[in-house]
PDB file of all heavy atoms in Angstrom:
ATOM      1  N   LEU A   1       0.797  -1.178   0.031  1.00  0.00           N
ATOM      2  CA  LEU A   1      -0.022   0.017   0.024  1.00  0.00           C
ATOM      3  C   LEU A   1       0.904   1.288  -0.012  1.00  0.00           C
ATOM      4  O   LEU A   1       0.590   2.173  -0.732  1.00  0.00           O
ATOM      5  CB  LEU A   1      -0.926  -0.019   1.231  1.00  0.00           C
ATOM      6  CG  LEU A   1      -1.833   1.189   1.378  1.00  0.00           C
ATOM      7  CD1 LEU A   1      -2.843   1.311   0.168  1.00  0.00           C
ATOM      8  CD2 LEU A   1      -2.642   1.122   2.700  1.00  0.00           C
ATOM      9  N   ALA A   2       1.911   1.243   0.785  1.00  0.00           N
ATOM     10  CA  ALA A   2       2.879   2.425   0.847  1.00  0.00           C
ATOM     11  C   ALA A   2       3.524   2.660  -0.448  1.00  0.00           C
ATOM     12  O   ALA A   2       3.598   3.818  -1.002  1.00  0.00           O
ATOM     13  CB  ALA A   2       3.919   2.202   1.911  1.00  0.00           C
ATOM     14  N   GLY A   3       3.941   1.584  -1.124  1.00  0.00           N
ATOM     15  CA  GLY A   3       4.551   1.756  -2.472  1.00  0.00           C
ATOM     16  C   GLY A   3       3.576   2.309  -3.475  1.00  0.00           C
ATOM     17  O   GLY A   3       3.951   3.217  -4.370  1.00  0.00           O
ATOM     18  N   SER A   4       2.384   1.892  -3.504  1.00  0.00           N
ATOM     19  CA  SER A   4       1.380   2.488  -4.420  1.00  0.00           C
ATOM     20  C   SER A   4       1.105   3.965  -4.134  1.00  0.00           C
ATOM     21  O   SER A   4       1.014   4.733  -5.089  1.00  0.00           O
ATOM     22  CB  SER A   4       0.102   1.629  -4.329  1.00  0.00           C
ATOM     23  OG  SER A   4       0.246   0.347  -4.772  1.00  0.00           O
ATOM     24  N   VAL A   5       0.967   4.327  -2.856  1.00  0.00           N
ATOM     25  CA  VAL A   5       0.754   5.687  -2.475  1.00  0.00           C
ATOM     26  C   VAL A   5       1.951   6.570  -2.939  1.00  0.00           C
ATOM     27  O   VAL A   5       1.820   7.703  -3.452  1.00  0.00           O
ATOM     28  CB  VAL A   5       0.526   5.821  -0.982  1.00  0.00           C
ATOM     29  CG1 VAL A   5       0.547   7.242  -0.560  1.00  0.00           C
ATOM     30  CG2 VAL A   5      -0.790   5.129  -0.626  1.00  0.00           C
ATOM     31  N   ILE A   6       3.205   6.063  -2.670  1.00  0.00           N
ATOM     32  CA  ILE A   6       4.387   6.804  -3.071  1.00  0.00           C
ATOM     33  C   ILE A   6       4.432   7.009  -4.548  1.00  0.00           C
ATOM     34  O   ILE A   6       4.801   8.022  -5.142  1.00  0.00           O
ATOM     35  CB  ILE A   6       5.593   6.103  -2.594  1.00  0.00           C
ATOM     36  CG1 ILE A   6       5.724   6.156  -0.999  1.00  0.00           C
ATOM     37  CG2 ILE A   6       6.893   6.708  -3.123  1.00  0.00           C
ATOM     38  CD1 ILE A   6       6.802   5.305  -0.418  1.00  0.00           C
ATOM     39  N   PHE A   7       4.088   5.917  -5.337  1.00  0.00           N
ATOM     40  CA  PHE A   7       4.111   6.020  -6.782  1.00  0.00           C
ATOM     41  C   PHE A   7       3.100   7.061  -7.315  1.00  0.00           C
ATOM     42  O   PHE A   7       3.516   7.882  -8.202  1.00  0.00           O
ATOM     43  CB  PHE A   7       3.756   4.593  -7.367  1.00  0.00           C
ATOM     44  CG  PHE A   7       3.545   4.617  -8.889  1.00  0.00           C
ATOM     45  CD1 PHE A   7       4.560   4.822  -9.743  1.00  0.00           C
ATOM     46  CD2 PHE A   7       2.232   4.405  -9.363  1.00  0.00           C
ATOM     47  CE1 PHE A   7       4.390   4.803 -11.099  1.00  0.00           C
ATOM     48  CE2 PHE A   7       2.052   4.361 -10.732  1.00  0.00           C
ATOM     49  CZ  PHE A   7       3.096   4.580 -11.589  1.00  0.00           C
ATOM     50  N   VAL A   8       1.882   7.080  -6.732  1.00  0.00           N
ATOM     51  CA  VAL A   8       0.920   8.114  -7.251  1.00  0.00           C
ATOM     52  C   VAL A   8       1.426   9.445  -6.837  1.00  0.00           C
ATOM     53  O   VAL A   8       1.308  10.411  -7.602  1.00  0.00           O
ATOM     54  CB  VAL A   8      -0.435   7.761  -6.533  1.00  0.00           C
ATOM     55  CG1 VAL A   8      -1.458   8.915  -6.842  1.00  0.00           C
ATOM     56  CG2 VAL A   8      -1.014   6.398  -7.028  1.00  0.00           C
ATOM     57  N   ALA A   9       1.936   9.616  -5.536  1.00  0.00           N
ATOM     58  CA  ALA A   9       2.384  10.929  -5.135  1.00  0.00           C
ATOM     59  C   ALA A   9       3.495  11.511  -5.959  1.00  0.00           C
ATOM     60  O   ALA A   9       3.478  12.659  -6.406  1.00  0.00           O
ATOM     61  CB  ALA A   9       2.705  10.963  -3.649  1.00  0.00           C
ATOM     62  N   THR A  10       4.555  10.711  -6.175  1.00  0.00           N
ATOM     63  CA  THR A  10       5.687  11.190  -6.898  1.00  0.00           C
ATOM     64  C   THR A  10       5.396  11.353  -8.334  1.00  0.00           C
ATOM     65  O   THR A  10       5.902  12.285  -8.973  1.00  0.00           O
ATOM     66  CB  THR A  10       6.845  10.151  -6.697  1.00  0.00           C
ATOM     67  OG1 THR A  10       6.385   8.817  -7.159  1.00  0.00           O
ATOM     68  CG2 THR A  10       7.394  10.050  -5.336  1.00  0.00           C
ATOM     69  N   SER A  11       4.540  10.549  -8.971  1.00  0.00           N
ATOM     70  CA  SER A  11       4.153  10.687 -10.336  1.00  0.00           C
ATOM     71  C   SER A  11       3.388  11.975 -10.565  1.00  0.00           C
ATOM     72  O   SER A  11       3.493  12.718 -11.516  1.00  0.00           O
ATOM     73  CB  SER A  11       3.377   9.437 -10.837  1.00  0.00           C
ATOM     74  OG  SER A  11       4.117   8.304 -10.735  1.00  0.00           O
ATOM     75  N   ALA A  12       2.501  12.263  -9.576  1.00  0.00           N
ATOM     76  CA  ALA A  12       1.720  13.459  -9.671  1.00  0.00           C
ATOM     77  C   ALA A  12       2.616  14.763  -9.574  1.00  0.00           C
ATOM     78  O   ALA A  12       2.423  15.743 -10.175  1.00  0.00           O
ATOM     79  CB  ALA A  12       0.595  13.472  -8.601  1.00  0.00           C
ATOM     80  N   SER A  13       3.604  14.687  -8.701  1.00  0.00           N
ATOM     81  CA  SER A  13       4.443  15.812  -8.478  1.00  0.00           C
ATOM     82  C   SER A  13       5.423  16.068  -9.587  1.00  0.00           C
ATOM     83  O   SER A  13       5.740  17.239  -9.959  1.00  0.00           O
ATOM     84  CB  SER A  13       5.236  15.651  -7.146  1.00  0.00           C
ATOM     85  OG  SER A  13       6.102  14.534  -7.251  1.00  0.00           O
ATOM     86  N   THR A  14       5.875  15.063 -10.294  1.00  0.00           N
ATOM     87  CA  THR A  14       6.876  15.158 -11.371  1.00  0.00           C
ATOM     88  C   THR A  14       6.149  15.122 -12.739  1.00  0.00           C
ATOM     89  O   THR A  14       6.849  15.428 -13.728  1.00  0.00           O
ATOM     90  CB  THR A  14       7.905  13.993 -11.295  1.00  0.00           C
ATOM     91  OG1 THR A  14       7.182  12.717 -11.444  1.00  0.00           O
ATOM     92  CG2 THR A  14       8.612  13.992  -9.943  1.00  0.00           C
ATOM     93  N   GLY A  15       4.869  14.825 -12.771  1.00  0.00           N
ATOM     94  CA  GLY A  15       4.197  14.812 -14.082  1.00  0.00           C
ATOM     95  C   GLY A  15       4.522  13.579 -14.886  1.00  0.00           C
ATOM     96  O   GLY A  15       4.230  13.511 -16.125  1.00  0.00           O
ATOM     97  N   GLN A  16       5.037  12.580 -14.329  1.00  0.00           N
ATOM     98  CA  GLN A  16       5.380  11.331 -15.010  1.00  0.00           C
ATOM     99  C   GLN A  16       4.247  10.353 -14.835  1.00  0.00           C
ATOM    100  O   GLN A  16       3.633  10.253 -13.737  1.00  0.00           O
ATOM    101  CB  GLN A  16       6.665  10.736 -14.572  1.00  0.00           C
ATOM    102  CG  GLN A  16       7.878  11.614 -14.725  1.00  0.00           C
ATOM    103  CD  GLN A  16       8.271  11.790 -16.199  1.00  0.00           C
ATOM    104  OE1 GLN A  16       8.066  10.894 -16.959  1.00  0.00           O
ATOM    105  NE2 GLN A  16       8.739  12.957 -16.525  1.00  0.00           N
ATOM    106  N   GLY A  17       4.020   9.479 -15.849  1.00  0.00           N
ATOM    107  CA  GLY A  17       3.025   8.462 -15.731  1.00  0.00           C
ATOM    108  C   GLY A  17       1.577   8.803 -15.935  1.00  0.00           C
ATOM    109  O   GLY A  17       0.764   7.886 -16.028  1.00  0.00           O
ATOM    110  N   ILE A  18       1.227  10.085 -16.039  1.00  0.00           N
ATOM    111  CA  ILE A  18      -0.109  10.511 -16.255  1.00  0.00           C
ATOM    112  C   ILE A  18      -0.352  10.675 -17.695  1.00  0.00           C
ATOM    113  O   ILE A  18       0.521  10.411 -18.545  1.00  0.00           O
ATOM    114  CB  ILE A  18      -0.475  11.788 -15.429  1.00  0.00           C
ATOM    115  CG1 ILE A  18       0.474  12.903 -15.822  1.00  0.00           C
ATOM    116  CG2 ILE A  18      -0.415  11.511 -14.001  1.00  0.00           C
ATOM    117  CD1 ILE A  18       0.130  14.212 -15.154  1.00  0.00           C
ATOM    118  N   ALA A  19      -1.569  11.098 -18.121  1.00  0.00           N
ATOM    119  CA  ALA A  19      -1.827  11.142 -19.503  1.00  0.00           C
ATOM    120  C   ALA A  19      -0.988  12.037 -20.314  1.00  0.00           C
ATOM    121  O   ALA A  19      -0.781  11.796 -21.530  1.00  0.00           O
ATOM    122  CB  ALA A  19      -3.324  11.601 -19.668  1.00  0.00           C
ATOM    123  N   THR A  20      -0.392  13.062 -19.728  1.00  0.00           N
ATOM    124  CA  THR A  20       0.465  13.917 -20.404  1.00  0.00           C
ATOM    125  C   THR A  20       1.972  13.484 -20.330  1.00  0.00           C
ATOM    126  O   THR A  20       2.827  14.167 -20.874  1.00  0.00           O
ATOM    127  CB  THR A  20       0.390  15.359 -19.948  1.00  0.00           C
ATOM    128  OG1 THR A  20       0.642  15.327 -18.509  1.00  0.00           O
ATOM    129  CG2 THR A  20      -1.040  15.936 -20.118  1.00  0.00           C
ATOM    130  N   GLY A  21       2.135  12.388 -19.632  1.00  0.00           N
ATOM    131  CA  GLY A  21       3.539  11.861 -19.456  1.00  0.00           C
ATOM    132  C   GLY A  21       3.809  10.704 -20.265  1.00  0.00           C
ATOM    133  O   GLY A  21       3.484  10.541 -21.475  1.00  0.00           O
ATOM    134  N   ASP A  22       4.352   9.616 -19.618  1.00  0.00           N
ATOM    135  CA  ASP A  22       4.842   8.421 -20.363  1.00  0.00           C
ATOM    136  C   ASP A  22       3.737   7.393 -20.648  1.00  0.00           C
ATOM    137  O   ASP A  22       3.879   6.564 -21.495  1.00  0.00           O
ATOM    138  CB  ASP A  22       5.909   7.758 -19.535  1.00  0.00           C
ATOM    139  CG  ASP A  22       7.131   8.725 -19.444  1.00  0.00           C
ATOM    140  OD1 ASP A  22       7.323   9.554 -20.305  1.00  0.00           O
ATOM    141  OD2 ASP A  22       7.859   8.547 -18.451  1.00  0.00           O
ATOM    142  N   MET A  23       2.613   7.448 -19.904  1.00  0.00           N
ATOM    143  CA  MET A  23       1.590   6.426 -20.086  1.00  0.00           C
ATOM    144  C   MET A  23       0.180   7.081 -19.858  1.00  0.00           C
ATOM    145  O   MET A  23       0.138   8.201 -19.358  1.00  0.00           O
ATOM    146  CB  MET A  23       1.745   5.237 -19.083  1.00  0.00           C
ATOM    147  CG  MET A  23       1.587   5.734 -17.670  1.00  0.00           C
ATOM    148  SD  MET A  23       1.857   4.289 -16.442  1.00  0.00           S
ATOM    149  CE  MET A  23       3.638   4.049 -16.613  1.00  0.00           C
ATOM    150  N   GLY A  24      -0.804   6.418 -20.261  1.00  0.00           N
ATOM    151  CA  GLY A  24      -2.149   6.962 -20.156  1.00  0.00           C
ATOM    152  C   GLY A  24      -2.744   6.714 -18.812  1.00  0.00           C
ATOM    153  O   GLY A  24      -2.142   6.051 -17.972  1.00  0.00           O
ATOM    154  N   TRP A  25      -3.917   7.302 -18.596  1.00  0.00           N
ATOM    155  CA  TRP A  25      -4.493   7.149 -17.297  1.00  0.00           C
ATOM    156  C   TRP A  25      -4.823   5.732 -16.950  1.00  0.00           C
ATOM    157  O   TRP A  25      -4.684   5.319 -15.754  1.00  0.00           O
ATOM    158  CB  TRP A  25      -5.828   7.961 -17.206  1.00  0.00           C
ATOM    159  CG  TRP A  25      -5.567   9.493 -17.076  1.00  0.00           C
ATOM    160  CD1 TRP A  25      -5.715  10.424 -18.031  1.00  0.00           C
ATOM    161  CD2 TRP A  25      -5.173  10.119 -15.857  1.00  0.00           C
ATOM    162  NE1 TRP A  25      -5.426  11.687 -17.456  1.00  0.00           N
ATOM    163  CE2 TRP A  25      -5.096  11.513 -16.130  1.00  0.00           C
ATOM    164  CE3 TRP A  25      -4.939   9.658 -14.561  1.00  0.00           C
ATOM    165  CZ2 TRP A  25      -4.765  12.438 -15.191  1.00  0.00           C
ATOM    166  CZ3 TRP A  25      -4.587  10.589 -13.625  1.00  0.00           C
ATOM    167  CH2 TRP A  25      -4.527  11.999 -13.940  1.00  0.00           C
ATOM    168  N   ALA A  26      -5.234   4.909 -17.910  1.00  0.00           N
ATOM    169  CA  ALA A  26      -5.651   3.540 -17.627  1.00  0.00           C
ATOM    170  C   ALA A  26      -4.397   2.781 -17.187  1.00  0.00           C
ATOM    171  O   ALA A  26      -4.471   2.065 -16.148  1.00  0.00           O
ATOM    172  CB  ALA A  26      -6.214   2.889 -18.948  1.00  0.00           C
ATOM    173  N   ALA A  27      -3.258   2.857 -17.901  1.00  0.00           N
ATOM    174  CA  ALA A  27      -2.093   2.105 -17.476  1.00  0.00           C
ATOM    175  C   ALA A  27      -1.584   2.637 -16.131  1.00  0.00           C
ATOM    176  O   ALA A  27      -1.119   1.820 -15.317  1.00  0.00           O
ATOM    177  CB  ALA A  27      -0.967   2.296 -18.551  1.00  0.00           C
ATOM    178  N   PHE A  28      -1.634   3.984 -15.919  1.00  0.00           N
ATOM    179  CA  PHE A  28      -1.268   4.497 -14.673  1.00  0.00           C
ATOM    180  C   PHE A  28      -2.069   3.958 -13.504  1.00  0.00           C
ATOM    181  O   PHE A  28      -1.483   3.543 -12.459  1.00  0.00           O
ATOM    182  CB  PHE A  28      -1.394   6.041 -14.660  1.00  0.00           C
ATOM    183  CG  PHE A  28      -1.086   6.781 -13.451  1.00  0.00           C
ATOM    184  CD1 PHE A  28       0.265   6.801 -12.923  1.00  0.00           C
ATOM    185  CD2 PHE A  28      -2.067   7.344 -12.606  1.00  0.00           C
ATOM    186  CE1 PHE A  28       0.625   7.443 -11.802  1.00  0.00           C
ATOM    187  CE2 PHE A  28      -1.707   7.903 -11.417  1.00  0.00           C
ATOM    188  CZ  PHE A  28      -0.382   8.007 -11.005  1.00  0.00           C
ATOM    189  N   ALA A  29      -3.351   3.865 -13.699  1.00  0.00           N
ATOM    190  CA  ALA A  29      -4.215   3.232 -12.633  1.00  0.00           C
ATOM    191  C   ALA A  29      -3.858   1.777 -12.344  1.00  0.00           C
ATOM    192  O   ALA A  29      -3.858   1.363 -11.222  1.00  0.00           O
ATOM    193  CB  ALA A  29      -5.686   3.450 -12.974  1.00  0.00           C
ATOM    194  N   VAL A  30      -3.622   1.092 -13.432  1.00  0.00           N
ATOM    195  CA  VAL A  30      -3.348  -0.319 -13.346  1.00  0.00           C
ATOM    196  C   VAL A  30      -2.050  -0.506 -12.526  1.00  0.00           C
ATOM    197  O   VAL A  30      -1.945  -1.370 -11.679  1.00  0.00           O
ATOM    198  CB  VAL A  30      -3.292  -1.048 -14.736  1.00  0.00           C
ATOM    199  CG1 VAL A  30      -2.750  -2.462 -14.628  1.00  0.00           C
ATOM    200  CG2 VAL A  30      -4.669  -1.079 -15.364  1.00  0.00           C
ATOM    201  N   TRP A  31      -1.035   0.233 -12.942  1.00  0.00           N
ATOM    202  CA  TRP A  31       0.261   0.072 -12.276  1.00  0.00           C
ATOM    203  C   TRP A  31       0.199   0.470 -10.752  1.00  0.00           C
ATOM    204  O   TRP A  31       0.895  -0.093  -9.907  1.00  0.00           O
ATOM    205  CB  TRP A  31       1.371   0.893 -12.918  1.00  0.00           C
ATOM    206  CG  TRP A  31       1.797   0.203 -14.204  1.00  0.00           C
ATOM    207  CD1 TRP A  31       1.727   0.735 -15.486  1.00  0.00           C
ATOM    208  CD2 TRP A  31       2.468  -1.060 -14.283  1.00  0.00           C
ATOM    209  NE1 TRP A  31       2.196  -0.139 -16.357  1.00  0.00           N
ATOM    210  CE2 TRP A  31       2.730  -1.265 -15.713  1.00  0.00           C
ATOM    211  CE3 TRP A  31       2.854  -2.063 -13.400  1.00  0.00           C
ATOM    212  CZ2 TRP A  31       3.342  -2.376 -16.191  1.00  0.00           C
ATOM    213  CZ3 TRP A  31       3.455  -3.197 -13.876  1.00  0.00           C
ATOM    214  CH2 TRP A  31       3.718  -3.355 -15.232  1.00  0.00           C
ATOM    215  N   ALA A  32      -0.712   1.512 -10.490  1.00  0.00           N
ATOM    216  CA  ALA A  32      -0.839   1.858  -9.076  1.00  0.00           C
ATOM    217  C   ALA A  32      -1.493   0.772  -8.304  1.00  0.00           C
ATOM    218  O   ALA A  32      -1.289   0.609  -7.050  1.00  0.00           O
ATOM    219  CB  ALA A  32      -1.705   3.158  -9.039  1.00  0.00           C
ATOM    220  N   LEU A  33      -2.473   0.037  -8.908  1.00  0.00           N
ATOM    221  CA  LEU A  33      -3.152  -0.991  -8.206  1.00  0.00           C
ATOM    222  C   LEU A  33      -2.380  -2.328  -8.207  1.00  0.00           C
ATOM    223  O   LEU A  33      -2.812  -3.254  -7.433  1.00  0.00           O
ATOM    224  CB  LEU A  33      -4.556  -1.240  -8.853  1.00  0.00           C
ATOM    225  CG  LEU A  33      -5.536  -0.089  -8.671  1.00  0.00           C
ATOM    226  CD1 LEU A  33      -6.733  -0.372  -9.482  1.00  0.00           C
ATOM    227  CD2 LEU A  33      -5.940   0.063  -7.210  1.00  0.00           C
ATOM    228  N   PHE A  34      -1.352  -2.431  -8.999  1.00  0.00           N
ATOM    229  CA  PHE A  34      -0.656  -3.643  -9.231  1.00  0.00           C
ATOM    230  C   PHE A  34      -0.147  -4.323  -7.973  1.00  0.00           C
ATOM    231  O   PHE A  34      -0.499  -5.512  -7.670  1.00  0.00           O
ATOM    232  CB  PHE A  34       0.548  -3.459 -10.168  1.00  0.00           C
ATOM    233  CG  PHE A  34       1.076  -4.687 -10.790  1.00  0.00           C
ATOM    234  CD1 PHE A  34       0.543  -5.099 -12.078  1.00  0.00           C
ATOM    235  CD2 PHE A  34       2.060  -5.417 -10.225  1.00  0.00           C
ATOM    236  CE1 PHE A  34       1.039  -6.255 -12.624  1.00  0.00           C
ATOM    237  CE2 PHE A  34       2.556  -6.576 -10.871  1.00  0.00           C
ATOM    238  CZ  PHE A  34       2.050  -6.986 -12.092  1.00  0.00           C
ATOM    239  N   PRO A  35       0.622  -3.575  -7.087  1.00  0.00           N
ATOM    240  CA  PRO A  35       1.054  -4.251  -5.820  1.00  0.00           C
ATOM    241  C   PRO A  35      -0.089  -4.669  -4.919  1.00  0.00           C
ATOM    242  O   PRO A  35      -0.009  -5.684  -4.263  1.00  0.00           O
ATOM    243  CB  PRO A  35       1.976  -3.221  -5.210  1.00  0.00           C
ATOM    244  CG  PRO A  35       2.284  -2.186  -6.306  1.00  0.00           C
ATOM    245  CD  PRO A  35       1.168  -2.217  -7.155  1.00  0.00           C
ATOM    246  N   ILE A  36      -1.094  -3.807  -4.824  1.00  0.00           N
ATOM    247  CA  ILE A  36      -2.218  -4.068  -3.923  1.00  0.00           C
ATOM    248  C   ILE A  36      -3.030  -5.325  -4.364  1.00  0.00           C
ATOM    249  O   ILE A  36      -3.291  -6.155  -3.494  1.00  0.00           O
ATOM    250  CB  ILE A  36      -3.186  -2.851  -3.855  1.00  0.00           C
ATOM    251  CG1 ILE A  36      -2.371  -1.606  -3.408  1.00  0.00           C
ATOM    252  CG2 ILE A  36      -4.382  -3.192  -3.004  1.00  0.00           C
ATOM    253  CD1 ILE A  36      -3.206  -0.343  -3.375  1.00  0.00           C
TER     254      ILE A  36
END
């Protein structure tokens, strides 16, 4: 759970992983849920 939260927080702060970054929202949500 902590890893997923850190991934979401750091990605939001750096602009990586979201729709305007390296991946779309769908892939970003899947990777955030992956460890959980």
